[in-house]
Amino acid sequence: MELQILEKTDDYLRFIIKGVNVSFVNALRRIMLTEVPSMAIDEVVIIENSSMIRDEILAHRMGFIPLKTDLDSYNLPEECTCKSEFGCNLCRLSLTLEVEATEDVITVYSKDLQSENPDVRPVSDRIPIVKLAPEQKIKLEAYARLGKGKNHAKWQPVSMCTHKYLPQIKINAESCNACGDCVKMCPQKILVNTGEGIKTQNEIECTLCQDCVDACPKNPPAIEISWHKDAFIFNIESTGALPVERIVLEALKILDKKIVDFSKQLKVRKK
């Protein structure tokens, strides 16, 4: 297996992976979406709400505020030793919100949420929750837990997780007369007419649309678009709950565990 990092920040990762098949990369993608745990608000106790938004809608909006996640300090509720439906300080986190408008209309933002653990907080301070008119007030307690995207989308640690085949472009220099029709049709500007023939640039941006092949007047076309069967381009964007590198590592751990468990079950059945 070969790995080439194309772009990397805390919340975005783009890389080329070679030497694997589509089953592997798709399994990795699905695990990132559904199995890697992250923290989200799961229960909200409304103490006072005189805003225009109903309690249920307010609680729903709270649930979709991405929270910075500390995977090393908290357990999944189903794996916690407390075995309590209410949770404990190892599987549950408390946040409070108490805001009142006095004379002017104000906007309540995610920064107004007070967490008992400063390491677990909204990923952004500027997420609007509700607007309050004068003399309106909100007071509530929210409880966050680790969860998985397969149970609810609010626990997905990624906002984007895609892969595609690594493109392969071949130009037959003998039959190509550099008419430029394919260059005009390419939506990604992959093809360029250099005066010495048609050349390619930034091939990984090719969408495999085949427009350039259809535009070629030659029969058969002088350009061929295909893809590597064992090479893929991965694009991953984190919600901010976890660094994107941690998401990939956790997904690989989970995939490895699934393979080990499956192998053990096969051995048991053979016996």
Protein backbone atom coordinates (compact mmCIF):
# COMPACT_ATOMS: atom_id res chain seq x y z
CA MET A 1 0.00 0.00 0.00
CA GLU A 2 1.23 3.48 -0.90
CA LEU A 3 -0.05 6.75 0.51
CA GLN A 4 0.52 10.25 -0.84
CA ILE A 5 -0.81 13.29 1.03
CA LEU A 6 -2.03 15.98 -1.33
CA GLU A 7 -3.46 18.47 1.16
CA LYS A 8 -3.81 18.43 4.95
CA THR A 9 -5.20 20.75 7.61
CA ASP A 10 -6.84 20.05 10.99
CA ASP A 11 -10.25 19.70 9.33
CA TYR A 12 -9.43 18.59 5.77
CA LEU A 13 -7.39 15.78 4.28
CA ARG A 14 -6.88 14.78 0.67
CA PHE A 15 -4.66 11.87 -0.25
CA ILE A 16 -3.98 9.23 -2.89
CA ILE A 17 -4.01 5.63 -1.75
CA LYS A 18 -2.59 2.89 -3.99
CA GLY A 19 -2.39 -0.88 -3.78
CA VAL A 20 -5.93 -1.43 -2.42
CA ASN A 21 -9.28 -2.36 -3.93
CA VAL A 22 -12.61 -0.57 -3.94
CA SER A 23 -13.98 -2.78 -1.14
CA PHE A 24 -11.28 -1.58 1.25
CA VAL A 25 -11.67 2.13 0.56
CA ASN A 26 -15.47 1.92 0.69
CA ALA A 27 -15.32 0.07 4.01
CA LEU A 28 -13.02 2.79 5.35
CA ARG A 29 -15.40 5.50 4.11
CA ARG A 30 -18.45 3.86 5.68
CA ILE A 31 -16.69 3.42 9.01
CA MET A 32 -15.75 7.11 9.12
CA LEU A 33 -19.39 7.99 8.50
CA THR A 34 -21.05 5.52 10.84
CA GLU A 35 -18.62 4.00 13.35
CA VAL A 36 -16.09 6.60 14.53
CA PRO A 37 -17.55 8.08 17.77
CA SER A 38 -17.95 11.79 18.41
CA MET A 39 -19.66 13.90 21.06
CA ALA A 40 -23.09 15.47 20.58
CA ILE A 41 -25.90 16.77 22.77
CA ASP A 42 -28.33 13.90 23.33
CA GLU A 43 -30.72 15.20 25.99
CA VAL A 44 -31.95 18.70 26.81
CA VAL A 45 -33.83 19.71 29.95
CA ILE A 46 -35.71 22.96 29.29
CA ILE A 47 -36.08 24.89 32.54
CA GLU A 48 -37.41 28.09 31.00
CA ASN A 49 -38.13 29.03 27.39
CA SER A 50 -40.09 32.16 26.59
CA SER A 51 -38.66 32.50 23.06
CA MET A 52 -40.66 32.06 19.85
CA ILE A 53 -39.09 28.63 19.24
CA ARG A 54 -40.76 25.57 20.71
CA ASP A 55 -38.89 23.38 23.16
CA GLU A 56 -38.60 20.49 20.69
CA ILE A 57 -37.12 22.67 17.93
CA LEU A 58 -34.70 24.28 20.37
CA ALA A 59 -33.50 20.86 21.57
CA HIS A 60 -33.14 19.71 17.94
CA ARG A 61 -30.96 22.73 17.10
CA MET A 62 -28.81 22.07 20.16
CA GLY A 63 -28.21 18.49 19.05
CA PHE A 64 -26.68 19.56 15.74
CA ILE A 65 -24.08 21.90 17.26
CA PRO A 66 -20.74 20.10 16.61
CA LEU A 67 -18.74 19.63 19.81
CA LYS A 68 -15.02 19.21 20.24
CA THR A 69 -14.59 15.57 21.23
CA ASP A 70 -12.24 14.07 23.81
CA LEU A 71 -12.20 10.38 22.90
CA ASP A 72 -9.62 9.53 25.55
CA SER A 73 -11.63 10.81 28.54
CA TYR A 74 -15.12 9.49 27.78
CA ASN A 75 -16.67 6.09 27.11
CA LEU A 76 -19.49 5.13 24.82
CA PRO A 77 -22.61 4.78 27.01
CA GLU A 78 -23.02 1.10 26.11
CA GLU A 79 -19.38 0.42 27.06
CA CYS A 80 -19.25 2.45 30.28
CA THR A 81 -18.79 0.59 33.56
CA CYS A 82 -21.58 2.59 35.24
CA LYS A 83 -24.23 0.64 33.26
CA SER A 84 -26.67 3.46 34.00
CA GLU A 85 -29.22 4.90 31.58
CA PHE A 86 -28.54 8.32 33.10
CA GLY A 87 -24.77 8.07 32.68
CA CYS A 88 -21.85 9.19 34.80
CA ASN A 89 -18.93 11.60 34.49
CA LEU A 90 -17.15 9.03 32.29
CA CYS A 91 -19.88 8.81 29.66
CA ARG A 92 -21.90 12.01 30.04
CA LEU A 93 -21.07 15.71 29.90
CA SER A 94 -23.21 18.58 31.16
CA LEU A 95 -23.61 21.95 29.43
CA THR A 96 -25.77 24.85 30.56
CA LEU A 97 -27.35 27.79 28.76
CA GLU A 98 -28.91 30.78 30.50
CA VAL A 99 -29.50 33.94 28.45
CA GLU A 100 -32.02 36.75 28.86
CA ALA A 101 -32.74 39.71 26.58
CA THR A 102 -33.26 42.98 28.40
CA GLU A 103 -33.92 45.98 26.17
CA ASP A 104 -32.79 44.88 22.68
CA VAL A 105 -33.22 41.85 20.44
CA ILE A 106 -30.23 39.56 20.88
CA THR A 107 -28.95 36.42 19.17
CA VAL A 108 -27.97 33.47 21.33
CA TYR A 109 -24.83 31.83 19.98
CA SER A 110 -23.02 28.59 20.71
CA LYS A 111 -20.46 30.57 22.71
CA ASP A 112 -23.16 31.07 25.35
CA LEU A 113 -23.11 27.33 26.11
CA GLN A 114 -21.10 26.68 29.28
CA SER A 115 -19.44 23.26 29.41
CA GLU A 116 -18.27 21.55 32.58
CA ASN A 117 -15.25 20.34 30.58
CA PRO A 118 -13.43 23.10 28.65
CA ASP A 119 -12.01 20.46 26.27
CA VAL A 120 -15.52 19.60 25.08
CA ARG A 121 -17.15 22.72 23.68
CA PRO A 122 -18.79 23.90 20.43
CA VAL A 123 -16.34 23.87 17.52
CA SER A 124 -17.37 27.46 16.71
CA ASP A 125 -18.55 30.31 18.90
CA ARG A 126 -20.66 31.82 16.12
CA ILE A 127 -23.32 29.16 15.58
CA PRO A 128 -26.70 30.91 16.06
CA ILE A 129 -29.19 29.06 18.27
CA VAL A 130 -32.15 31.44 18.70
CA LYS A 131 -33.09 35.12 18.73
CA LEU A 132 -34.62 36.61 21.87
CA ALA A 133 -36.88 39.65 21.97
CA PRO A 134 -36.83 41.97 25.03
CA GLU A 135 -37.84 40.17 28.25
CA GLN A 136 -37.52 36.73 26.67
CA LYS A 137 -35.30 34.17 28.37
CA ILE A 138 -33.85 30.71 27.86
CA LYS A 139 -32.52 28.52 30.63
CA LEU A 140 -31.65 24.87 30.05
CA GLU A 141 -29.32 22.00 30.81
CA ALA A 142 -27.94 19.83 28.03
CA TYR A 143 -26.24 16.46 28.29
CA ALA A 144 -23.75 15.32 25.68
CA ARG A 145 -22.64 11.76 25.03
CA LEU A 146 -20.42 9.87 22.65
CA GLY A 147 -22.32 8.24 19.82
CA LYS A 148 -22.00 6.84 16.31
CA GLY A 149 -23.28 8.15 13.01
CA LYS A 150 -25.17 4.91 12.33
CA ASN A 151 -27.52 5.85 15.19
CA HIS A 152 -27.95 9.54 14.30
CA ALA A 153 -26.35 12.00 11.87
CA LYS A 154 -25.44 14.38 14.72
CA TRP A 155 -22.73 11.92 15.75
CA GLN A 156 -21.03 11.86 12.34
CA PRO A 157 -17.51 13.30 12.76
CA VAL A 158 -17.21 14.06 9.03
CA SER A 159 -19.17 16.50 6.90
CA MET A 160 -17.66 15.03 3.72
CA CYS A 161 -16.08 11.67 3.06
CA THR A 162 -15.67 10.64 -0.58
CA HIS A 163 -13.35 8.65 -2.79
CA LYS A 164 -12.93 8.24 -6.53
CA TYR A 165 -10.68 6.30 -8.87
CA LEU A 166 -7.35 7.88 -9.77
CA PRO A 167 -7.81 9.04 -13.41
CA GLN A 168 -5.56 7.89 -16.23
CA ILE A 169 -5.40 9.89 -19.49
CA LYS A 170 -3.71 8.61 -22.62
CA ILE A 171 -3.26 10.64 -25.81
CA ASN A 172 -2.23 8.92 -29.03
CA ALA A 173 0.32 11.36 -30.42
CA GLU A 174 0.33 9.61 -33.82
CA SER A 175 -3.38 10.00 -34.57
CA CYS A 176 -3.97 13.30 -32.71
CA ASN A 177 -3.81 16.33 -35.02
CA ALA A 178 -4.07 18.83 -32.13
CA CYS A 179 -7.35 20.28 -33.41
CA GLY A 180 -8.18 21.43 -29.88
CA ASP A 181 -11.80 20.20 -29.78
CA CYS A 182 -11.11 18.13 -26.68
CA VAL A 183 -9.45 21.11 -24.97
CA LYS A 184 -12.57 23.22 -25.45
CA MET A 185 -14.85 20.53 -24.04
CA CYS A 186 -12.84 19.70 -20.89
CA PRO A 187 -14.74 21.26 -17.92
CA GLN A 188 -11.76 20.94 -15.57
CA LYS A 189 -9.18 22.38 -18.00
CA ILE A 190 -7.10 19.23 -17.77
CA LEU A 191 -6.13 19.33 -21.42
CA VAL A 192 -4.00 22.11 -22.95
CA ASN A 193 -2.82 22.78 -26.49
CA THR A 194 0.88 23.57 -26.21
CA GLY A 195 1.47 24.07 -29.93
CA GLU A 196 3.45 20.86 -29.93
CA GLY A 197 0.41 18.70 -29.31
CA ILE A 198 -2.25 18.12 -26.65
CA LYS A 199 -0.82 17.74 -23.16
CA THR A 200 -2.36 17.13 -19.74
CA GLN A 201 -2.07 19.01 -16.46
CA ASN A 202 -3.35 18.25 -12.96
CA GLU A 203 -4.76 14.89 -14.06
CA ILE A 204 -6.15 14.03 -10.62
CA GLU A 205 -8.86 16.67 -11.10
CA CYS A 206 -10.33 14.76 -14.03
CA THR A 207 -13.97 13.80 -13.37
CA LEU A 208 -13.95 10.94 -15.91
CA CYS A 209 -16.85 12.59 -17.76
CA GLN A 210 -15.56 11.42 -21.18
CA ASP A 211 -16.61 14.72 -22.86
CA CYS A 212 -13.18 15.08 -24.42
CA VAL A 213 -13.44 11.58 -25.92
CA ASP A 214 -16.85 12.39 -27.41
CA ALA A 215 -15.52 15.67 -28.86
CA CYS A 216 -12.56 14.06 -30.63
CA PRO A 217 -13.27 13.88 -34.41
CA LYS A 218 -10.98 10.88 -34.90
CA ASN A 219 -12.35 7.36 -35.14
CA PRO A 220 -11.26 5.75 -32.90
CA PRO A 221 -10.69 8.81 -30.64
CA ALA A 222 -7.10 9.90 -30.16
CA ILE A 223 -7.70 10.33 -26.43
CA GLU A 224 -8.56 7.64 -23.93
CA ILE A 225 -9.90 8.25 -20.40
CA SER A 226 -9.67 5.41 -17.89
CA TRP A 227 -8.70 4.87 -14.26
CA HIS A 228 -6.35 2.85 -12.11
CA LYS A 229 -8.15 -0.14 -10.60
CA ASP A 230 -6.08 -0.09 -7.41
CA ALA A 231 -5.59 3.64 -6.79
CA PHE A 232 -8.05 6.13 -5.28
CA ILE A 233 -8.30 9.78 -4.29
CA PHE A 234 -9.78 10.30 -0.82
CA ASN A 235 -11.38 13.57 0.34
CA ILE A 236 -12.26 13.89 4.03
CA GLU A 237 -13.62 16.95 5.83
CA SER A 238 -14.16 16.94 9.59
CA THR A 239 -17.02 18.71 11.33
CA GLY A 240 -14.42 19.94 13.79
CA ALA A 241 -15.38 17.36 16.42
CA LEU A 242 -12.12 15.48 15.82
CA PRO A 243 -8.94 16.27 13.88
CA VAL A 244 -9.25 14.62 10.49
CA GLU A 245 -6.08 12.60 11.09
CA ARG A 246 -7.61 11.13 14.27
CA ILE A 247 -10.75 10.19 12.34
CA VAL A 248 -8.72 8.19 9.81
CA LEU A 249 -6.69 6.44 12.53
CA GLU A 250 -9.80 5.54 14.53
CA ALA A 251 -11.47 4.21 11.38
CA LEU A 252 -8.46 2.00 10.66
CA LYS A 253 -8.51 0.66 14.23
CA ILE A 254 -12.20 -0.16 13.96
CA LEU A 255 -11.73 -1.84 10.57
CA ASP A 256 -8.83 -3.89 11.94
CA LYS A 257 -10.92 -5.00 14.92
CA LYS A 258 -13.80 -6.02 12.66
CA ILE A 259 -11.44 -8.14 10.55
CA VAL A 260 -9.96 -9.81 13.64
CA ASP A 261 -13.41 -10.54 15.09
CA PHE A 262 -14.60 -11.95 11.77
CA SER A 263 -11.53 -14.18 11.53
CA LYS A 264 -12.17 -15.53 15.04
CA GLN A 265 -15.78 -16.34 14.18
CA LEU A 266 -14.65 -18.23 11.08
CA LYS A 267 -12.25 -20.33 13.17
CA VAL A 268 -14.99 -21.14 15.68
CA ARG A 269 -17.36 -22.26 12.90
CA LYS A 270 -14.66 -24.50 11.38
CA LYS A 271 -14.27 -26.32 14.69
